[in-house]
C-alpha cells in the first residue's frame, strides 16, 4: 500500500457526436469519438489518520461535497471495504461546464489512483463499470485515450489513438447547461437518425482517414449556433485561420479546431486570442496518464 499518489486528469473533446432521440427511460443514446487531450487537471491523493474521511479540495466553483470524486470514493469503499481516510487535492486547469469532461475525468482519475495505491487489482473494465455508477463519461476515462463511445457513454471501444494533429481550443465566456442543450435538441427535433454500420464508418474515418478528410459533426452545434451567435463566429474564425475542421465539444460551450501542423495551430491560436479570452493549443494523448505512487 502506498501513502500517496499523483495523477494527471485529462480533458476530452468529442471529435464526433451524434445524439439520437430520447428513449423511454429519458436518456439519449449517442455515438461519439472521445479523444483525451493535453489539457489536464492534477490530482494528489494521500492517506489520512481518520477512518472513513474523504476530504476534497480544489477550485470547483461549488461545494466540494458535491464533487464526483466523493461519489467515486464511496463506490471504491463499497467494492473493497476500505475504511482508510483519504485526502484529494485537485489543481484545476480544465474549464468547468464547457463540454470537456473535467468532472468525469477527475472521478476516473480518483478510481485509478485508489486502485494503484491500495493494490486492489481491478481491471480497467471493472473500474469503468464502477465509474458508470457515478457518471456517464467516467468509463471512457478509465479505458483508453481515444475511443468510440455509444449508449449512454457506458459502451466504450478503444480506438488506435492518433498523434498526427493538433487542436486549438476556444472557450467563450458563457455557460451552456447540459439539460438545456438536450431540451433545445428535443424541441427542434434535431436528434440524429440511427443508421446501421455508422459506428464502423466513424471508426474507420478516425483510424484510417487523414484529419483533413474527417467528416465529423456534432448534433448540438446547429441548435447552439441559433441561440448564441458566438458559436458561428468562433467556427468561422477557426476555419478562417486554417482549421481543417471546427466544432463544439460535447454540449458546449468549448469549441475546437483541427490542424495538421503545430506551427499552423500556434499561429491560429495567436489570432484567436485577440478575440476570445480562453484559447489553448493542445495535442491528442496517445496513452493513459501515469499514476505516480509515493
C-alpha atoms as a PDB file:
ATOM      1  CA  UNK A   1       0.000   0.000   0.000  1.00  0.00           C
ATOM      2  CA  UNK A   2       1.296   3.440  -0.958  1.00  0.00           C
ATOM      3  CA  UNK A   3       0.857   6.506   1.232  1.00  0.00           C
ATOM      4  CA  UNK A   4       0.057   8.877  -1.630  1.00  0.00           C
ATOM      5  CA  UNK A   5      -0.434   9.090  -5.377  1.00  0.00           C
ATOM      6  CA  UNK A   6      -0.365  11.739  -8.069  1.00  0.00           C
ATOM      7  CA  UNK A   7      -2.084  11.522 -11.449  1.00  0.00           C
ATOM      8  CA  UNK A   8      -2.999  13.856 -14.297  1.00  0.00           C
ATOM      9  CA  UNK A   9      -6.688  14.058 -15.183  1.00  0.00           C
ATOM     10  CA  UNK A  10      -7.079  14.980 -18.875  1.00  0.00           C
ATOM     11  CA  UNK A  11      -9.880  16.789 -20.664  1.00  0.00           C
ATOM     12  CA  UNK A  12     -11.575  15.230 -23.666  1.00  0.00           C
ATOM     13  CA  UNK A  13     -13.056  16.608 -26.837  1.00  0.00           C
ATOM     14  CA  UNK A  14     -15.831  14.975 -28.831  1.00  0.00           C
ATOM     15  CA  UNK A  15     -14.325  14.857 -32.292  1.00  0.00           C
ATOM     16  CA  UNK A  16     -17.687  13.499 -33.415  1.00  0.00           C
ATOM     17  CA  UNK A  17     -21.030  13.368 -31.588  1.00  0.00           C
ATOM     18  CA  UNK A  18     -24.334  12.020 -32.843  1.00  0.00           C
ATOM     19  CA  UNK A  19     -27.173  12.296 -30.326  1.00  0.00           C
ATOM     20  CA  UNK A  20     -30.199  10.100 -31.035  1.00  0.00           C
ATOM     21  CA  UNK A  21     -33.837  10.634 -29.958  1.00  0.00           C
ATOM     22  CA  UNK A  22     -34.723  10.323 -26.282  1.00  0.00           C
ATOM     23  CA  UNK A  23     -35.506   6.816 -25.074  1.00  0.00           C
ATOM     24  CA  UNK A  24     -38.402   5.860 -22.804  1.00  0.00           C
ATOM     25  CA  UNK A  25     -36.047   5.963 -19.806  1.00  0.00           C
ATOM     26  CA  UNK A  26     -35.348   9.639 -20.531  1.00  0.00           C
ATOM     27  CA  UNK A  27     -31.812   9.198 -21.832  1.00  0.00           C
ATOM     28  CA  UNK A  28     -30.470   9.960 -25.302  1.00  0.00           C
ATOM     29  CA  UNK A  29     -28.264   7.263 -26.889  1.00  0.00           C
ATOM     30  CA  UNK A  30     -25.170   8.611 -28.591  1.00  0.00           C
ATOM     31  CA  UNK A  31     -22.365   7.701 -30.935  1.00  0.00           C
ATOM     32  CA  UNK A  32     -19.207   9.665 -30.340  1.00  0.00           C
ATOM     33  CA  UNK A  33     -15.449   9.758 -30.785  1.00  0.00           C
ATOM     34  CA  UNK A  34     -13.891  10.755 -27.445  1.00  0.00           C
ATOM     35  CA  UNK A  35     -10.304  11.989 -27.547  1.00  0.00           C
ATOM     36  CA  UNK A  36      -8.192  12.772 -24.477  1.00  0.00           C
ATOM     37  CA  UNK A  37      -6.132  15.932 -24.907  1.00  0.00           C
ATOM     38  CA  UNK A  38      -3.161  17.563 -23.232  1.00  0.00           C
ATOM     39  CA  UNK A  39      -5.185  19.959 -21.062  1.00  0.00           C
ATOM     40  CA  UNK A  40      -5.119  18.291 -17.641  1.00  0.00           C
ATOM     41  CA  UNK A  41      -6.110  18.799 -14.030  1.00  0.00           C
ATOM     42  CA  UNK A  42      -3.740  17.319 -11.442  1.00  0.00           C
ATOM     43  CA  UNK A  43      -4.964  15.177  -8.547  1.00  0.00           C
ATOM     44  CA  UNK A  44      -2.974  14.287  -5.439  1.00  0.00           C
ATOM     45  CA  UNK A  45      -4.302  11.631  -3.083  1.00  0.00           C
ATOM     46  CA  UNK A  46      -2.910  10.866   0.371  1.00  0.00           C
ATOM     47  CA  UNK A  47      -3.899   8.870   3.417  1.00  0.00           C
ATOM     48  CA  UNK A  48      -5.483  10.498   6.466  1.00  0.00           C
ATOM     49  CA  UNK A  49      -5.415   9.134  10.006  1.00  0.00           C
ATOM     50  CA  UNK A  50      -9.193   9.430  10.479  1.00  0.00           C
ATOM     51  CA  UNK A  51     -11.052   6.393   9.165  1.00  0.00           C
ATOM     52  CA  UNK A  52     -13.823   6.927   6.590  1.00  0.00           C
ATOM     53  CA  UNK A  53     -12.809  10.557   5.986  1.00  0.00           C
ATOM     54  CA  UNK A  54     -12.948  11.858   2.420  1.00  0.00           C
ATOM     55  CA  UNK A  55     -11.560  15.383   2.220  1.00  0.00           C
ATOM     56  CA  UNK A  56     -11.752  17.051  -1.213  1.00  0.00           C
ATOM     57  CA  UNK A  57     -10.292  20.455  -2.035  1.00  0.00           C
ATOM     58  CA  UNK A  58      -9.964  22.403  -5.268  1.00  0.00           C
ATOM     59  CA  UNK A  59     -11.234  25.438  -7.130  1.00  0.00           C
ATOM     60  CA  UNK A  60     -14.507  23.838  -8.186  1.00  0.00           C
ATOM     61  CA  UNK A  61     -16.985  26.709  -8.005  1.00  0.00           C
ATOM     62  CA  UNK A  62     -19.375  24.511  -5.993  1.00  0.00           C
ATOM     63  CA  UNK A  63     -19.275  22.751  -2.595  1.00  0.00           C
ATOM     64  CA  UNK A  64     -16.604  20.002  -2.519  1.00  0.00           C
ATOM     65  CA  UNK A  65     -19.104  17.536  -1.049  1.00  0.00           C
ATOM     66  CA  UNK A  66     -20.968  17.659  -4.381  1.00  0.00           C
ATOM     67  CA  UNK A  67     -17.839  16.623  -6.302  1.00  0.00           C
ATOM     68  CA  UNK A  68     -17.988  13.419  -8.324  1.00  0.00           C
ATOM     69  CA  UNK A  69     -14.699  12.370  -6.711  1.00  0.00           C
ATOM     70  CA  UNK A  70     -16.655  11.811  -3.500  1.00  0.00           C
ATOM     71  CA  UNK A  71     -19.097   9.515  -5.301  1.00  0.00           C
ATOM     72  CA  UNK A  72     -16.246   7.506  -6.789  1.00  0.00           C
ATOM     73  CA  UNK A  73     -14.538   7.275  -3.393  1.00  0.00           C
ATOM     74  CA  UNK A  74     -17.735   5.876  -1.848  1.00  0.00           C
ATOM     75  CA  UNK A  75     -18.104   3.324  -4.657  1.00  0.00           C
ATOM     76  CA  UNK A  76     -14.480   2.216  -4.230  1.00  0.00           C
ATOM     77  CA  UNK A  77     -15.075   1.775  -0.498  1.00  0.00           C
ATOM     78  CA  UNK A  78     -18.196  -0.317  -1.184  1.00  0.00           C
ATOM     79  CA  UNK A  79     -16.253  -2.583  -3.532  1.00  0.00           C
ATOM     80  CA  UNK A  80     -13.232  -3.038  -1.278  1.00  0.00           C
ATOM     81  CA  UNK A  81     -14.385  -2.482   2.294  1.00  0.00           C
ATOM     82  CA  UNK A  82     -11.690   0.190   2.582  1.00  0.00           C
ATOM     83  CA  UNK A  83     -12.014   2.498   5.603  1.00  0.00           C
ATOM     84  CA  UNK A  84      -8.772   4.455   5.366  1.00  0.00           C
ATOM     85  CA  UNK A  85      -9.197   8.229   5.418  1.00  0.00           C
ATOM     86  CA  UNK A  86      -8.398   9.960   2.134  1.00  0.00           C
ATOM     87  CA  UNK A  87      -7.466  13.458   1.043  1.00  0.00           C
ATOM     88  CA  UNK A  88      -7.914  14.603  -2.567  1.00  0.00           C
ATOM     89  CA  UNK A  89      -6.295  17.843  -3.723  1.00  0.00           C
ATOM     90  CA  UNK A  90      -7.263  18.923  -7.233  1.00  0.00           C
ATOM     91  CA  UNK A  91      -5.416  21.560  -9.221  1.00  0.00           C
ATOM     92  CA  UNK A  92      -7.987  22.664 -11.785  1.00  0.00           C
ATOM     93  CA  UNK A  93      -6.963  23.691 -15.291  1.00  0.00           C
ATOM     94  CA  UNK A  94      -9.912  22.320 -17.286  1.00  0.00           C
ATOM     95  CA  UNK A  95     -12.715  24.912 -17.655  1.00  0.00           C
ATOM     96  CA  UNK A  96     -15.877  23.689 -15.982  1.00  0.00           C
ATOM     97  CA  UNK A  97     -19.211  23.320 -17.729  1.00  0.00           C
ATOM     98  CA  UNK A  98     -17.596  23.556 -21.177  1.00  0.00           C
ATOM     99  CA  UNK A  99     -18.171  20.053 -22.576  1.00  0.00           C
ATOM    100  CA  UNK A 100     -14.620  18.924 -21.805  1.00  0.00           C
ATOM    101  CA  UNK A 101     -15.435  16.221 -19.241  1.00  0.00           C
ATOM    102  CA  UNK A 102     -13.316  17.611 -16.411  1.00  0.00           C
ATOM    103  CA  UNK A 103     -15.537  16.298 -13.622  1.00  0.00           C
ATOM    104  CA  UNK A 104     -15.820  12.809 -15.098  1.00  0.00           C
ATOM    105  CA  UNK A 105     -12.080  12.743 -15.710  1.00  0.00           C
ATOM    106  CA  UNK A 106     -11.458  13.652 -12.063  1.00  0.00           C
ATOM    107  CA  UNK A 107     -13.708  10.806 -10.925  1.00  0.00           C
ATOM    108  CA  UNK A 108     -11.925   8.290 -13.136  1.00  0.00           C
ATOM    109  CA  UNK A 109      -8.503   9.557 -12.052  1.00  0.00           C
ATOM    110  CA  UNK A 110      -9.532   9.104  -8.410  1.00  0.00           C
ATOM    111  CA  UNK A 111     -10.609   5.499  -9.058  1.00  0.00           C
ATOM    112  CA  UNK A 112      -7.399   4.703 -10.934  1.00  0.00           C
ATOM    113  CA  UNK A 113      -5.248   6.293  -8.224  1.00  0.00           C
ATOM    114  CA  UNK A 114      -7.010   4.403  -5.417  1.00  0.00           C
ATOM    115  CA  UNK A 115      -6.734   1.137  -7.348  1.00  0.00           C
ATOM    116  CA  UNK A 116      -2.969   1.650  -7.593  1.00  0.00           C
ATOM    117  CA  UNK A 117      -2.468   2.963  -4.038  1.00  0.00           C
ATOM    118  CA  UNK A 118      -4.197   0.019  -2.407  1.00  0.00           C
ATOM    119  CA  UNK A 119      -3.123  -2.600  -4.999  1.00  0.00           C
ATOM    120  CA  UNK A 120      -6.774  -3.566  -5.413  1.00  0.00           C
ATOM    121  CA  UNK A 121      -6.102  -5.222  -8.751  1.00  0.00           C
ATOM    122  CA  UNK A 122      -9.264  -4.044 -10.509  1.00  0.00           C
ATOM    123  CA  UNK A 123      -9.093  -4.238 -14.297  1.00  0.00           C
ATOM    124  CA  UNK A 124      -9.817  -1.189 -16.450  1.00  0.00           C
ATOM    125  CA  UNK A 125     -13.173  -2.770 -17.297  1.00  0.00           C
ATOM    126  CA  UNK A 126     -14.054  -3.196 -13.636  1.00  0.00           C
ATOM    127  CA  UNK A 127     -13.067   0.402 -12.872  1.00  0.00           C
ATOM    128  CA  UNK A 128     -15.168   1.562 -15.827  1.00  0.00           C
ATOM    129  CA  UNK A 129     -18.186  -0.346 -14.504  1.00  0.00           C
ATOM    130  CA  UNK A 130     -17.685   1.201 -11.063  1.00  0.00           C
ATOM    131  CA  UNK A 131     -17.333   4.643 -12.590  1.00  0.00           C
ATOM    132  CA  UNK A 132     -20.517   4.232 -14.633  1.00  0.00           C
ATOM    133  CA  UNK A 133     -22.425   4.243 -11.345  1.00  0.00           C
ATOM    134  CA  UNK A 134     -21.188   7.790 -10.728  1.00  0.00           C
ATOM    135  CA  UNK A 135     -21.275   9.377 -14.194  1.00  0.00           C
ATOM    136  CA  UNK A 136     -21.848   8.503 -17.858  1.00  0.00           C
ATOM    137  CA  UNK A 137     -18.460   9.671 -19.179  1.00  0.00           C
ATOM    138  CA  UNK A 138     -16.306   8.084 -16.453  1.00  0.00           C
ATOM    139  CA  UNK A 139     -15.968   4.684 -18.209  1.00  0.00           C
ATOM    140  CA  UNK A 140     -14.148   6.340 -21.104  1.00  0.00           C
ATOM    141  CA  UNK A 141     -11.606   7.994 -18.816  1.00  0.00           C
ATOM    142  CA  UNK A 142     -10.879   4.590 -17.229  1.00  0.00           C
ATOM    143  CA  UNK A 143     -10.314   2.851 -20.540  1.00  0.00           C
ATOM    144  CA  UNK A 144      -8.340   4.484 -23.370  1.00  0.00           C
ATOM    145  CA  UNK A 145      -7.056   7.829 -24.679  1.00  0.00           C
ATOM    146  CA  UNK A 146      -9.323   7.565 -27.732  1.00  0.00           C
ATOM    147  CA  UNK A 147     -12.497   5.560 -28.059  1.00  0.00           C
ATOM    148  CA  UNK A 148     -15.753   5.056 -29.882  1.00  0.00           C
ATOM    149  CA  UNK A 149     -18.436   5.640 -27.258  1.00  0.00           C
ATOM    150  CA  UNK A 150     -22.049   4.539 -27.527  1.00  0.00           C
ATOM    151  CA  UNK A 151     -25.176   4.073 -25.417  1.00  0.00           C
ATOM    152  CA  UNK A 152     -25.268   6.499 -22.502  1.00  0.00           C
ATOM    153  CA  UNK A 153     -21.472   6.561 -22.548  1.00  0.00           C
ATOM    154  CA  UNK A 154     -21.013   3.178 -20.912  1.00  0.00           C
ATOM    155  CA  UNK A 155     -20.181   1.329 -24.153  1.00  0.00           C
ATOM    156  CA  UNK A 156     -16.529   2.182 -24.797  1.00  0.00           C
ATOM    157  CA  UNK A 157     -14.455   0.643 -27.590  1.00  0.00           C
ATOM    158  CA  UNK A 158     -10.822   1.808 -27.729  1.00  0.00           C
ATOM    159  CA  UNK A 159      -9.527   3.282 -30.962  1.00  0.00           C
ATOM    160  CA  UNK A 160      -5.961   3.262 -32.264  1.00  0.00           C
ATOM    161  CA  UNK A 161      -5.045   6.694 -30.887  1.00  0.00           C
ATOM    162  CA  UNK A 162      -3.825   9.272 -33.412  1.00  0.00           C
ATOM    163  CA  UNK A 163      -0.972  11.709 -32.793  1.00  0.00           C
ATOM    164  CA  UNK A 164      -0.840  13.405 -36.199  1.00  0.00           C
ATOM    165  CA  UNK A 165      -2.917  16.508 -35.473  1.00  0.00           C
ATOM    166  CA  UNK A 166      -3.187  19.465 -33.116  1.00  0.00           C
ATOM    167  CA  UNK A 167      -6.129  21.311 -31.650  1.00  0.00           C
ATOM    168  CA  UNK A 168      -6.854  24.938 -30.900  1.00  0.00           C
ATOM    169  CA  UNK A 169      -9.405  25.108 -28.105  1.00  0.00           C
ATOM    170  CA  UNK A 170     -11.591  28.198 -27.674  1.00  0.00           C
ATOM    171  CA  UNK A 171     -13.802  28.618 -24.588  1.00  0.00           C
ATOM    172  CA  UNK A 172     -16.259  31.539 -24.857  1.00  0.00           C
ATOM    173  CA  UNK A 173     -17.338  33.354 -21.672  1.00  0.00           C
ATOM    174  CA  UNK A 174     -20.737  31.662 -21.373  1.00  0.00           C
ATOM    175  CA  UNK A 175     -22.192  28.540 -19.794  1.00  0.00           C
ATOM    176  CA  UNK A 176     -24.411  26.065 -21.604  1.00  0.00           C
ATOM    177  CA  UNK A 177     -26.331  23.775 -19.259  1.00  0.00           C
ATOM    178  CA  UNK A 178     -26.352  20.166 -20.442  1.00  0.00           C
ATOM    179  CA  UNK A 179     -30.052  19.726 -19.644  1.00  0.00           C
ATOM    180  CA  UNK A 180     -30.898  22.926 -21.519  1.00  0.00           C
ATOM    181  CA  UNK A 181     -28.907  21.812 -24.577  1.00  0.00           C
ATOM    182  CA  UNK A 182     -30.711  18.472 -24.687  1.00  0.00           C
ATOM    183  CA  UNK A 183     -34.022  20.289 -24.276  1.00  0.00           C
ATOM    184  CA  UNK A 184     -33.259  22.511 -27.281  1.00  0.00           C
ATOM    185  CA  UNK A 185     -32.261  19.442 -29.287  1.00  0.00           C
ATOM    186  CA  UNK A 186     -35.573  17.760 -28.492  1.00  0.00           C
ATOM    187  CA  UNK A 187     -37.654  20.899 -29.090  1.00  0.00           C
ATOM    188  CA  UNK A 188     -36.238  21.269 -32.592  1.00  0.00           C
ATOM    189  CA  UNK A 189     -36.325  17.568 -33.435  1.00  0.00           C
ATOM    190  CA  UNK A 190     -32.634  17.877 -34.227  1.00  0.00           C
ATOM    191  CA  UNK A 191     -31.522  14.476 -32.938  1.00  0.00           C
ATOM    192  CA  UNK A 192     -29.699  12.299 -35.461  1.00  0.00           C
ATOM    193  CA  UNK A 193     -31.335   9.296 -37.112  1.00  0.00           C
ATOM    194  CA  UNK A 194     -29.643   5.987 -36.209  1.00  0.00           C
ATOM    195  CA  UNK A 195     -28.315   4.049 -39.198  1.00  0.00           C
ATOM    196  CA  UNK A 196     -26.757   0.614 -39.487  1.00  0.00           C
ATOM    197  CA  UNK A 197     -22.994   0.455 -39.917  1.00  0.00           C
ATOM    198  CA  UNK A 198     -22.484   4.011 -38.708  1.00  0.00           C
ATOM    199  CA  UNK A 199     -20.167   3.015 -35.862  1.00  0.00           C
ATOM    200  CA  UNK A 200     -17.872   1.120 -38.239  1.00  0.00           C
ATOM    201  CA  UNK A 201     -17.832   4.075 -40.634  1.00  0.00           C
ATOM    202  CA  UNK A 202     -16.836   6.508 -37.881  1.00  0.00           C
ATOM    203  CA  UNK A 203     -14.173   4.124 -36.548  1.00  0.00           C
ATOM    204  CA  UNK A 204     -12.550   3.772 -39.971  1.00  0.00           C
ATOM    205  CA  UNK A 205     -12.714   7.517 -40.522  1.00  0.00           C
ATOM    206  CA  UNK A 206     -10.785   8.184 -37.304  1.00  0.00           C
ATOM    207  CA  UNK A 207      -8.268   5.353 -37.550  1.00  0.00           C
ATOM    208  CA  UNK A 208      -7.524   5.359 -41.289  1.00  0.00           C
ATOM    209  CA  UNK A 209      -8.603   8.699 -42.716  1.00  0.00           C
ATOM    210  CA  UNK A 210      -6.497  11.835 -42.881  1.00  0.00           C
ATOM    211  CA  UNK A 211      -7.646  14.524 -40.401  1.00  0.00           C
ATOM    212  CA  UNK A 212      -8.226  16.734 -43.418  1.00  0.00           C
ATOM    213  CA  UNK A 213     -10.798  14.226 -44.692  1.00  0.00           C
ATOM    214  CA  UNK A 214     -12.665  13.681 -41.424  1.00  0.00           C
ATOM    215  CA  UNK A 215     -16.372  14.325 -41.925  1.00  0.00           C
ATOM    216  CA  UNK A 216     -17.193  14.586 -38.257  1.00  0.00           C
ATOM    217  CA  UNK A 217     -20.034  16.639 -36.785  1.00  0.00           C
ATOM    218  CA  UNK A 218     -21.832  17.403 -33.534  1.00  0.00           C
ATOM    219  CA  UNK A 219     -25.629  17.226 -33.158  1.00  0.00           C
ATOM    220  CA  UNK A 220     -25.592  20.138 -30.726  1.00  0.00           C
ATOM    221  CA  UNK A 221     -23.886  22.685 -32.979  1.00  0.00           C
ATOM    222  CA  UNK A 222     -26.929  23.647 -35.125  1.00  0.00           C
ATOM    223  CA  UNK A 223     -29.146  24.336 -32.100  1.00  0.00           C
ATOM    224  CA  UNK A 224     -26.413  26.162 -30.176  1.00  0.00           C
ATOM    225  CA  UNK A 225     -25.447  28.496 -33.002  1.00  0.00           C
ATOM    226  CA  UNK A 226     -29.105  29.521 -33.396  1.00  0.00           C
ATOM    227  CA  UNK A 227     -29.189  30.699 -29.786  1.00  0.00           C
ATOM    228  CA  UNK A 228     -25.706  32.157 -29.415  1.00  0.00           C
ATOM    229  CA  UNK A 229     -24.040  33.872 -32.375  1.00  0.00           C
ATOM    230  CA  UNK A 230     -20.623  33.354 -30.748  1.00  0.00           C
ATOM    231  CA  UNK A 231     -20.573  29.685 -31.851  1.00  0.00           C
ATOM    232  CA  UNK A 232     -20.799  30.513 -35.539  1.00  0.00           C
ATOM    233  CA  UNK A 233     -18.297  33.323 -35.019  1.00  0.00           C
ATOM    234  CA  UNK A 234     -15.747  31.027 -33.375  1.00  0.00           C
ATOM    235  CA  UNK A 235     -16.211  28.386 -36.037  1.00  0.00           C
ATOM    236  CA  UNK A 236     -15.664  30.868 -38.839  1.00  0.00           C
ATOM    237  CA  UNK A 237     -12.644  32.295 -37.025  1.00  0.00           C
ATOM    238  CA  UNK A 238     -11.084  28.844 -36.673  1.00  0.00           C
ATOM    239  CA  UNK A 239     -11.757  27.880 -40.279  1.00  0.00           C
ATOM    240  CA  UNK A 240     -10.529  31.268 -41.439  1.00  0.00           C
ATOM    241  CA  UNK A 241      -7.310  30.696 -39.516  1.00  0.00           C
ATOM    242  CA  UNK A 242      -6.721  27.432 -41.366  1.00  0.00           C
ATOM    243  CA  UNK A 243      -8.517  24.774 -39.332  1.00  0.00           C
ATOM    244  CA  UNK A 244      -9.352  21.611 -41.276  1.00  0.00           C
ATOM    245  CA  UNK A 245     -12.471  21.157 -39.160  1.00  0.00           C
ATOM    246  CA  UNK A 246     -14.085  23.113 -36.320  1.00  0.00           C
ATOM    247  CA  UNK A 247     -16.905  22.140 -33.996  1.00  0.00           C
ATOM    248  CA  UNK A 248     -18.259  22.254 -30.467  1.00  0.00           C
ATOM    249  CA  UNK A 249     -17.223  19.681 -27.847  1.00  0.00           C
ATOM    250  CA  UNK A 250     -19.998  17.855 -26.011  1.00  0.00           C
ATOM    251  CA  UNK A 251     -22.965  20.160 -25.473  1.00  0.00           C
ATOM    252  CA  UNK A 252     -20.661  23.206 -25.305  1.00  0.00           C
ATOM    253  CA  UNK A 253     -19.517  25.769 -24.747  1.00  0.00           C
ATOM    254  CA  UNK A 254     -15.928  24.909 -25.727  1.00  0.00           C
ATOM    255  CA  UNK A 255     -15.074  24.732 -29.423  1.00  0.00           C
ATOM    256  CA  UNK A 256     -12.018  23.332 -31.153  1.00  0.00           C
ATOM    257  CA  UNK A 257     -10.279  23.459 -34.495  1.00  0.00           C
ATOM    258  CA  UNK A 258      -8.193  20.642 -36.003  1.00  0.00           C
ATOM    259  CA  UNK A 259      -4.787  21.405 -37.549  1.00  0.00           C
ATOM    260  CA  UNK A 260      -2.190  19.029 -39.001  1.00  0.00           C
ATOM    261  CA  UNK A 261       0.849  21.231 -38.376  1.00  0.00           C
ATOM    262  CA  UNK A 262       1.827  22.601 -34.972  1.00  0.00           C
ATOM    263  CA  UNK A 263       3.072  25.836 -36.498  1.00  0.00           C
ATOM    264  CA  UNK A 264      -0.289  26.448 -38.167  1.00  0.00           C
ATOM    265  CA  UNK A 265      -2.119  25.715 -34.923  1.00  0.00           C
ATOM    266  CA  UNK A 266       0.145  28.057 -32.949  1.00  0.00           C
ATOM    267  CA  UNK A 267      -0.372  30.842 -35.495  1.00  0.00           C
ATOM    268  CA  UNK A 268      -4.143  30.337 -35.406  1.00  0.00           C
ATOM    269  CA  UNK A 269      -4.101  30.394 -31.609  1.00  0.00           C
ATOM    270  CA  UNK A 270      -2.430  33.803 -31.613  1.00  0.00           C
ATOM    271  CA  UNK A 271      -5.111  35.142 -33.955  1.00  0.00           C
ATOM    272  CA  UNK A 272      -7.968  33.727 -31.880  1.00  0.00           C
ATOM    273  CA  UNK A 273      -6.504  35.136 -28.638  1.00  0.00           C
ATOM    274  CA  UNK A 274      -7.127  38.627 -29.960  1.00  0.00           C
ATOM    275  CA  UNK A 275     -10.897  37.907 -29.910  1.00  0.00           C
ATOM    276  CA  UNK A 276     -11.549  35.349 -27.159  1.00  0.00           C
ATOM    277  CA  UNK A 277     -10.369  35.187 -23.534  1.00  0.00           C
ATOM    278  CA  UNK A 278      -9.505  31.467 -23.309  1.00  0.00           C
ATOM    279  CA  UNK A 279      -7.575  29.911 -26.204  1.00  0.00           C
ATOM    280  CA  UNK A 280      -5.267  26.900 -25.806  1.00  0.00           C
ATOM    281  CA  UNK A 281      -3.011  24.928 -28.134  1.00  0.00           C
ATOM    282  CA  UNK A 282      -3.430  21.199 -27.416  1.00  0.00           C
ATOM    283  CA  UNK A 283      -2.346  17.818 -28.733  1.00  0.00           C
ATOM    284  CA  UNK A 284      -4.099  14.418 -28.519  1.00  0.00           C
ATOM    285  CA  UNK A 285      -2.905  11.916 -25.924  1.00  0.00           C
ATOM    286  CA  UNK A 286      -1.716   8.527 -27.147  1.00  0.00           C
ATOM    287  CA  UNK A 287      -1.615   6.794 -23.748  1.00  0.00           C
ATOM    288  CA  UNK A 288      -3.293   6.732 -20.368  1.00  0.00           C
ATOM    289  CA  UNK A 289      -1.896   9.132 -17.751  1.00  0.00           C
ATOM    290  CA  UNK A 290       0.731   7.575 -15.492  1.00  0.00           C
ATOM    291  CA  UNK A 291      -0.038   7.116 -11.804  1.00  0.00           C
ATOM    292  CA  UNK A 292       2.913   8.086  -9.600  1.00  0.00           C
ATOM    293  CA  UNK A 293       2.934   6.381  -6.204  1.00  0.00           C
ATOM    294  CA  UNK A 294       4.745   7.966  -3.286  1.00  0.00           C
END
